Amino acid sequence: MISKRQKSLMDWGSQKWRTKSGKPSSQTGERYLPTNAIKALSPAEYAATTKAKRLAKSKGKQFSKQPKSIAKKTARYR
């Protein structure tokens, strides 16, 4: 029997994660998100989360939190 955690991890792994441009984040500084999450965000929201990612990257951080309103909106797709 598969536990709830295992199913969640399997679902997460089967999603198509990408950047909006389709290019590697290391080149563009964009945030990787599931395709459905990208579709759910407005251009301004995607720009805001990308800006946060680029700002953290410029400070030498590998990970960055999304703005709270955007994180709440994309949570259902992760």
PDB file of N, CA and C in Angstrom:
ATOM      1  N   MET A   1       0.842  -1.182   0.000  1.00  0.00           N
ATOM      2  CA  MET A   1       0.000   0.000   0.000  1.00  0.00           C
ATOM      3  C   MET A   1       0.889   1.247   0.000  1.00  0.00           C
ATOM      4  N   ILE A   2       0.527   2.218  -0.807  1.00  0.00           N
ATOM      5  CA  ILE A   2       1.294   3.461  -0.924  1.00  0.00           C
ATOM      6  C   ILE A   2       0.777   4.468   0.104  1.00  0.00           C
ATOM      7  N   SER A   3       1.715   5.054   0.842  1.00  0.00           N
ATOM      8  CA  SER A   3       1.328   6.051   1.834  1.00  0.00           C
ATOM      9  C   SER A   3       0.965   7.364   1.132  1.00  0.00           C
ATOM     10  N   LYS A   4       0.327   8.231   1.870  1.00  0.00           N
ATOM     11  CA  LYS A   4      -0.069   9.543   1.333  1.00  0.00           C
ATOM     12  C   LYS A   4       1.168  10.347   0.911  1.00  0.00           C
ATOM     13  N   ARG A   5       2.235  10.253   1.702  1.00  0.00           N
ATOM     14  CA  ARG A   5       3.477  10.967   1.367  1.00  0.00           C
ATOM     15  C   ARG A   5       4.096  10.444   0.082  1.00  0.00           C
ATOM     16  N   GLN A   6       4.111   9.103  -0.050  1.00  0.00           N
ATOM     17  CA  GLN A   6       4.689   8.510  -1.252  1.00  0.00           C
ATOM     18  C   GLN A   6       3.907   8.918  -2.491  1.00  0.00           C
ATOM     19  N   LYS A   7       2.566   8.925  -2.380  1.00  0.00           N
ATOM     20  CA  LYS A   7       1.727   9.322  -3.512  1.00  0.00           C
ATOM     21  C   LYS A   7       1.982  10.777  -3.874  1.00  0.00           C
ATOM     22  N   SER A   8       2.097  11.619  -2.854  1.00  0.00           N
ATOM     23  CA  SER A   8       2.367  13.036  -3.095  1.00  0.00           C
ATOM     24  C   SER A   8       3.697  13.212  -3.818  1.00  0.00           C
ATOM     25  N   LEU A   9       4.713  12.469  -3.384  1.00  0.00           N
ATOM     26  CA  LEU A   9       6.030  12.561  -4.019  1.00  0.00           C
ATOM     27  C   LEU A   9       5.976  12.043  -5.456  1.00  0.00           C
ATOM     28  N   MET A  10       5.228  10.970  -5.687  1.00  0.00           N
ATOM     29  CA  MET A  10       5.091  10.427  -7.038  1.00  0.00           C
ATOM     30  C   MET A  10       4.380  11.433  -7.952  1.00  0.00           C
ATOM     31  N   ASP A  11       3.334  12.066  -7.428  1.00  0.00           N
ATOM     32  CA  ASP A  11       2.614  13.079  -8.205  1.00  0.00           C
ATOM     33  C   ASP A  11       3.517  14.262  -8.523  1.00  0.00           C
ATOM     34  N   TRP A  12       4.298  14.686  -7.534  1.00  0.00           N
ATOM     35  CA  TRP A  12       5.220  15.814  -7.715  1.00  0.00           C
ATOM     36  C   TRP A  12       6.254  15.492  -8.789  1.00  0.00           C
ATOM     37  N   GLY A  13       6.771  14.270  -8.749  1.00  0.00           N
ATOM     38  CA  GLY A  13       7.789  13.871  -9.708  1.00  0.00           C
ATOM     39  C   GLY A  13       7.282  13.707 -11.122  1.00  0.00           C
ATOM     40  N   SER A  14       5.985  13.442 -11.271  1.00  0.00           N
ATOM     41  CA  SER A  14       5.429  13.226 -12.614  1.00  0.00           C
ATOM     42  C   SER A  14       5.008  14.530 -13.302  1.00  0.00           C
ATOM     43  N   GLN A  15       5.044  15.631 -12.568  1.00  0.00           N
ATOM     44  CA  GLN A  15       4.682  16.913 -13.161  1.00  0.00           C
ATOM     45  C   GLN A  15       5.796  17.399 -14.081  1.00  0.00           C
ATOM     46  N   LYS A  16       5.423  18.172 -15.077  1.00  0.00           N
ATOM     47  CA  LYS A  16       6.417  18.760 -15.987  1.00  0.00           C
ATOM     48  C   LYS A  16       6.827  20.118 -15.412  1.00  0.00           C
ATOM     49  N   TRP A  17       8.027  20.170 -14.849  1.00  0.00           N
ATOM     50  CA  TRP A  17       8.569  21.397 -14.276  1.00  0.00           C
ATOM     51  C   TRP A  17       9.410  22.089 -15.339  1.00  0.00           C
ATOM     52  N   ARG A  18       9.244  23.411 -15.446  1.00  0.00           N
ATOM     53  CA  ARG A  18       9.979  24.159 -16.458  1.00  0.00           C
ATOM     54  C   ARG A  18       9.973  25.641 -16.111  1.00  0.00           C
ATOM     55  N   THR A  19      10.675  26.422 -16.918  1.00  0.00           N
ATOM     56  CA  THR A  19      10.582  27.876 -16.829  1.00  0.00           C
ATOM     57  C   THR A  19       9.594  28.321 -17.908  1.00  0.00           C
ATOM     58  N   LYS A  20       9.114  29.517 -17.809  1.00  0.00           N
ATOM     59  CA  LYS A  20       8.148  30.017 -18.788  1.00  0.00           C
ATOM     60  C   LYS A  20       8.756  30.094 -20.187  1.00  0.00           C
ATOM     61  N   SER A  21      10.026  30.461 -20.266  1.00  0.00           N
ATOM     62  CA  SER A  21      10.680  30.585 -21.565  1.00  0.00           C
ATOM     63  C   SER A  21      11.107  29.228 -22.130  1.00  0.00           C
ATOM     64  N   GLY A  22      11.183  28.224 -21.272  1.00  0.00           N
ATOM     65  CA  GLY A  22      11.643  26.910 -21.703  1.00  0.00           C
ATOM     66  C   GLY A  22      13.154  26.755 -21.651  1.00  0.00           C
ATOM     67  N   LYS A  23      13.848  27.829 -21.303  1.00  0.00           N
ATOM     68  CA  LYS A  23      15.313  27.799 -21.209  1.00  0.00           C
ATOM     69  C   LYS A  23      15.718  27.454 -19.773  1.00  0.00           C
ATOM     70  N   PRO A  24      16.939  26.961 -19.577  1.00  0.00           N
ATOM     71  CA  PRO A  24      17.399  26.642 -18.219  1.00  0.00           C
ATOM     72  C   PRO A  24      17.414  27.883 -17.319  1.00  0.00           C
ATOM     73  N   SER A  25      17.035  27.681 -16.084  1.00  0.00           N
ATOM     74  CA  SER A  25      17.007  28.771 -15.117  1.00  0.00           C
ATOM     75  C   SER A  25      18.393  29.365 -14.908  1.00  0.00           C
ATOM     76  N   SER A  26      19.427  28.548 -15.057  1.00  0.00           N
ATOM     77  CA  SER A  26      20.790  29.055 -14.888  1.00  0.00           C
ATOM     78  C   SER A  26      21.141  30.109 -15.925  1.00  0.00           C
ATOM     79  N   GLN A  27      20.473  30.079 -17.074  1.00  0.00           N
ATOM     80  CA  GLN A  27      20.715  31.078 -18.119  1.00  0.00           C
ATOM     81  C   GLN A  27      19.827  32.309 -17.956  1.00  0.00           C
ATOM     82  N   THR A  28      18.576  32.097 -17.550  1.00  0.00           N
ATOM     83  CA  THR A  28      17.607  33.187 -17.528  1.00  0.00           C
ATOM     84  C   THR A  28      17.326  33.755 -16.137  1.00  0.00           C
ATOM     85  N   GLY A  29      17.588  32.961 -15.105  1.00  0.00           N
ATOM     86  CA  GLY A  29      17.270  33.400 -13.748  1.00  0.00           C
ATOM     87  C   GLY A  29      15.805  33.215 -13.397  1.00  0.00           C
ATOM     88  N   GLU A  30      15.042  32.593 -14.297  1.00  0.00           N
ATOM     89  CA  GLU A  30      13.616  32.366 -14.044  1.00  0.00           C
ATOM     90  C   GLU A  30      13.429  31.259 -13.014  1.00  0.00           C
ATOM     91  N   ARG A  31      12.233  31.203 -12.459  1.00  0.00           N
ATOM     92  CA  ARG A  31      11.887  30.185 -11.483  1.00  0.00           C
ATOM     93  C   ARG A  31      11.296  28.965 -12.181  1.00  0.00           C
ATOM     94  N   TYR A  32      11.708  27.770 -11.741  1.00  0.00           N
ATOM     95  CA  TYR A  32      11.101  26.527 -12.215  1.00  0.00           C
ATOM     96  C   TYR A  32       9.789  26.322 -11.480  1.00  0.00           C
ATOM     97  N   LEU A  33       8.743  26.036 -12.226  1.00  0.00           N
ATOM     98  CA  LEU A  33       7.425  25.745 -11.665  1.00  0.00           C
ATOM     99  C   LEU A  33       6.756  24.685 -12.536  1.00  0.00           C
ATOM    100  N   PRO A  34       5.759  23.983 -11.991  1.00  0.00           N
ATOM    101  CA  PRO A  34       4.991  23.079 -12.836  1.00  0.00           C
ATOM    102  C   PRO A  34       4.286  23.880 -13.939  1.00  0.00           C
ATOM    103  N   THR A  35       4.110  23.267 -15.093  1.00  0.00           N
ATOM    104  CA  THR A  35       3.486  23.941 -16.236  1.00  0.00           C
ATOM    105  C   THR A  35       2.138  24.554 -15.864  1.00  0.00           C
ATOM    106  N   ASN A  36       1.310  23.815 -15.107  1.00  0.00           N
ATOM    107  CA  ASN A  36      -0.010  24.340 -14.733  1.00  0.00           C
ATOM    108  C   ASN A  36       0.091  25.554 -13.813  1.00  0.00           C
ATOM    109  N   ALA A  37       1.111  25.591 -12.987  1.00  0.00           N
ATOM    110  CA  ALA A  37       1.306  26.755 -12.118  1.00  0.00           C
ATOM    111  C   ALA A  37       1.693  27.976 -12.945  1.00  0.00           C
ATOM    112  N   ILE A  38       2.534  27.766 -13.940  1.00  0.00           N
ATOM    113  CA  ILE A  38       2.932  28.877 -14.820  1.00  0.00           C
ATOM    114  C   ILE A  38       1.701  29.435 -15.538  1.00  0.00           C
ATOM    115  N   LYS A  39       0.837  28.536 -16.005  1.00  0.00           N
ATOM    116  CA  LYS A  39      -0.371  28.967 -16.708  1.00  0.00           C
ATOM    117  C   LYS A  39      -1.322  29.736 -15.784  1.00  0.00           C
ATOM    118  N   ALA A  40      -1.316  29.399 -14.491  1.00  0.00           N
ATOM    119  CA  ALA A  40      -2.227  30.038 -13.540  1.00  0.00           C
ATOM    120  C   ALA A  40      -1.770  31.436 -13.137  1.00  0.00           C
ATOM    121  N   LEU A  41      -0.493  31.744 -13.337  1.00  0.00           N
ATOM    122  CA  LEU A  41       0.029  33.052 -12.945  1.00  0.00           C
ATOM    123  C   LEU A  41      -0.125  34.071 -14.063  1.00  0.00           C
ATOM    124  N   SER A  42      -0.426  35.288 -13.675  1.00  0.00           N
ATOM    125  CA  SER A  42      -0.466  36.371 -14.652  1.00  0.00           C
ATOM    126  C   SER A  42       0.976  36.723 -15.009  1.00  0.00           C
ATOM    127  N   PRO A  43       1.181  37.422 -16.124  1.00  0.00           N
ATOM    128  CA  PRO A  43       2.545  37.840 -16.474  1.00  0.00           C
ATOM    129  C   PRO A  43       3.209  38.663 -15.360  1.00  0.00           C
ATOM    130  N   ALA A  44       2.441  39.494 -14.677  1.00  0.00           N
ATOM    131  CA  ALA A  44       2.995  40.316 -13.593  1.00  0.00           C
ATOM    132  C   ALA A  44       3.399  39.444 -12.400  1.00  0.00           C
ATOM    133  N   GLU A  45       2.610  38.426 -12.093  1.00  0.00           N
ATOM    134  CA  GLU A  45       2.936  37.532 -10.981  1.00  0.00           C
ATOM    135  C   GLU A  45       4.189  36.717 -11.300  1.00  0.00           C
ATOM    136  N   TYR A  46       4.278  36.224 -12.534  1.00  0.00           N
ATOM    137  CA  TYR A  46       5.470  35.453 -12.917  1.00  0.00           C
ATOM    138  C   TYR A  46       6.705  36.352 -12.891  1.00  0.00           C
ATOM    139  N   ALA A  47       6.548  37.579 -13.313  1.00  0.00           N
ATOM    140  CA  ALA A  47       7.661  38.534 -13.279  1.00  0.00           C
ATOM    141  C   ALA A  47       8.098  38.796 -11.833  1.00  0.00           C
ATOM    142  N   ALA A  48       7.141  38.874 -10.909  1.00  0.00           N
ATOM    143  CA  ALA A  48       7.462  39.136  -9.506  1.00  0.00           C
ATOM    144  C   ALA A  48       8.222  37.964  -8.886  1.00  0.00           C
ATOM    145  N   THR A  49       7.800  36.741  -9.191  1.00  0.00           N
ATOM    146  CA  THR A  49       8.495  35.582  -8.623  1.00  0.00           C
ATOM    147  C   THR A  49       9.873  35.407  -9.270  1.00  0.00           C
ATOM    148  N   THR A  50       9.988  35.740 -10.537  1.00  0.00           N
ATOM    149  CA  THR A  50      11.288  35.690 -11.205  1.00  0.00           C
ATOM    150  C   THR A  50      12.217  36.759 -10.637  1.00  0.00           C
ATOM    151  N   LYS A  51      11.680  37.932 -10.355  1.00  0.00           N
ATOM    152  CA  LYS A  51      12.480  39.009  -9.766  1.00  0.00           C
ATOM    153  C   LYS A  51      13.027  38.578  -8.408  1.00  0.00           C
ATOM    154  N   ALA A  52      12.182  37.916  -7.592  1.00  0.00           N
ATOM    155  CA  ALA A  52      12.628  37.439  -6.284  1.00  0.00           C
ATOM    156  C   ALA A  52      13.727  36.390  -6.443  1.00  0.00           C
ATOM    157  N   LYS A  53      13.579  35.516  -7.423  1.00  0.00           N
ATOM    158  CA  LYS A  53      14.582  34.482  -7.690  1.00  0.00           C
ATOM    159  C   LYS A  53      15.911  35.116  -8.118  1.00  0.00           C
ATOM    160  N   ARG A  54      15.852  36.071  -9.013  1.00  0.00           N
ATOM    161  CA  ARG A  54      17.077  36.726  -9.497  1.00  0.00           C
ATOM    162  C   ARG A  54      17.768  37.512  -8.391  1.00  0.00           C
ATOM    163  N   LEU A  55      16.983  38.160  -7.531  1.00  0.00           N
ATOM    164  CA  LEU A  55      17.545  38.922  -6.418  1.00  0.00           C
ATOM    165  C   LEU A  55      18.290  37.993  -5.466  1.00  0.00           C
ATOM    166  N   ALA A  56      17.693  36.862  -5.131  1.00  0.00           N
ATOM    167  CA  ALA A  56      18.342  35.903  -4.239  1.00  0.00           C
ATOM    168  C   ALA A  56      19.597  35.336  -4.894  1.00  0.00           C
ATOM    169  N   LYS A  57      19.518  35.055  -6.193  1.00  0.00           N
ATOM    170  CA  LYS A  57      20.673  34.510  -6.911  1.00  0.00           C
ATOM    171  C   LYS A  57      21.825  35.511  -6.928  1.00  0.00           C
ATOM    172  N   SER A  58      21.488  36.799  -7.072  1.00  0.00           N
ATOM    173  CA  SER A  58      22.541  37.823  -7.091  1.00  0.00           C
ATOM    174  C   SER A  58      23.230  37.949  -5.735  1.00  0.00           C
ATOM    175  N   LYS A  59      22.538  37.510  -4.676  1.00  0.00           N
ATOM    176  CA  LYS A  59      23.117  37.521  -3.335  1.00  0.00           C
ATOM    177  C   LYS A  59      23.851  36.216  -3.029  1.00  0.00           C
ATOM    178  N   GLY A  60      23.927  35.335  -4.028  1.00  0.00           N
ATOM    179  CA  GLY A  60      24.653  34.082  -3.858  1.00  0.00           C
ATOM    180  C   GLY A  60      23.838  32.948  -3.277  1.00  0.00           C
ATOM    181  N   LYS A  61      22.527  33.111  -3.192  1.00  0.00           N
ATOM    182  CA  LYS A  61      21.675  32.066  -2.627  1.00  0.00           C
ATOM    183  C   LYS A  61      21.197  31.128  -3.731  1.00  0.00           C
ATOM    184  N   GLN A  62      21.129  29.837  -3.395  1.00  0.00           N
ATOM    185  CA  GLN A  62      20.647  28.861  -4.359  1.00  0.00           C
ATOM    186  C   GLN A  62      19.123  28.808  -4.357  1.00  0.00           C
ATOM    187  N   PHE A  63      18.528  28.988  -3.187  1.00  0.00           N
ATOM    188  CA  PHE A  63      17.082  28.897  -3.044  1.00  0.00           C
ATOM    189  C   PHE A  63      16.507  30.258  -2.676  1.00  0.00           C
ATOM    190  N   SER A  64      15.284  30.509  -3.114  1.00  0.00           N
ATOM    191  CA  SER A  64      14.608  31.744  -2.738  1.00  0.00           C
ATOM    192  C   SER A  64      13.127  31.465  -2.561  1.00  0.00           C
ATOM    193  N   LYS A  65      12.544  32.132  -1.596  1.00  0.00           N
ATOM    194  CA  LYS A  65      11.108  31.975  -1.372  1.00  0.00           C
ATOM    195  C   LYS A  65      10.353  32.815  -2.387  1.00  0.00           C
ATOM    196  N   GLN A  66       9.173  32.332  -2.737  1.00  0.00           N
ATOM    197  CA  GLN A  66       8.301  33.110  -3.608  1.00  0.00           C
ATOM    198  C   GLN A  66       7.577  34.153  -2.771  1.00  0.00           C
ATOM    199  N   PRO A  67       7.125  35.244  -3.381  1.00  0.00           N
ATOM    200  CA  PRO A  67       6.257  36.170  -2.651  1.00  0.00           C
ATOM    201  C   PRO A  67       5.043  35.397  -2.121  1.00  0.00           C
ATOM    202  N   LYS A  68       4.585  35.728  -0.915  1.00  0.00           N
ATOM    203  CA  LYS A  68       3.547  34.937  -0.244  1.00  0.00           C
ATOM    204  C   LYS A  68       2.286  34.734  -1.077  1.00  0.00           C
ATOM    205  N   SER A  69       1.803  35.775  -1.730  1.00  0.00           N
ATOM    206  CA  SER A  69       0.562  35.646  -2.502  1.00  0.00           C
ATOM    207  C   SER A  69       0.739  34.680  -3.675  1.00  0.00           C
ATOM    208  N   ILE A  70       1.918  34.678  -4.274  1.00  0.00           N
ATOM    209  CA  ILE A  70       2.191  33.792  -5.397  1.00  0.00           C
ATOM    210  C   ILE A  70       2.400  32.363  -4.908  1.00  0.00           C
ATOM    211  N   ALA A  71       3.089  32.205  -3.768  1.00  0.00           N
ATOM    212  CA  ALA A  71       3.296  30.873  -3.197  1.00  0.00           C
ATOM    213  C   ALA A  71       1.966  30.223  -2.868  1.00  0.00           C
ATOM    214  N   LYS A  72       1.046  31.013  -2.351  1.00  0.00           N
ATOM    215  CA  LYS A  72      -0.285  30.497  -2.010  1.00  0.00           C
ATOM    216  C   LYS A  72      -1.023  30.055  -3.275  1.00  0.00           C
ATOM    217  N   LYS A  73      -0.889  30.819  -4.329  1.00  0.00           N
ATOM    218  CA  LYS A  73      -1.574  30.517  -5.582  1.00  0.00           C
ATOM    219  C   LYS A  73      -0.997  29.276  -6.268  1.00  0.00           C
ATOM    220  N   THR A  74       0.318  29.101  -6.203  1.00  0.00           N
ATOM    221  CA  THR A  74       0.957  27.977  -6.898  1.00  0.00           C
ATOM    222  C   THR A  74       1.018  26.702  -6.037  1.00  0.00           C
ATOM    223  N   ALA A  75       0.710  26.805  -4.759  1.00  0.00           N
ATOM    224  CA  ALA A  75       0.821  25.647  -3.860  1.00  0.00           C
ATOM    225  C   ALA A  75      -0.004  24.456  -4.338  1.00  0.00           C
ATOM    226  N   ARG A  76      -1.158  24.688  -4.897  1.00  0.00           N
ATOM    227  CA  ARG A  76      -2.009  23.580  -5.319  1.00  0.00           C
ATOM    228  C   ARG A  76      -1.433  22.814  -6.515  1.00  0.00           C
ATOM    229  N   TYR A  77      -0.473  23.399  -7.193  1.00  0.00           N
ATOM    230  CA  TYR A  77       0.126  22.747  -8.356  1.00  0.00           C
ATOM    231  C   TYR A  77       1.407  21.999  -8.023  1.00  0.00           C
ATOM    232  N   ARG A  78       1.872  22.146  -6.795  1.00  0.00           N
ATOM    233  CA  ARG A  78       3.109  21.460  -6.389  1.00  0.00           C
ATOM    234  C   ARG A  78       2.789  20.231  -5.612  1.00  0.00           C
TER     235      ARG A  78
END
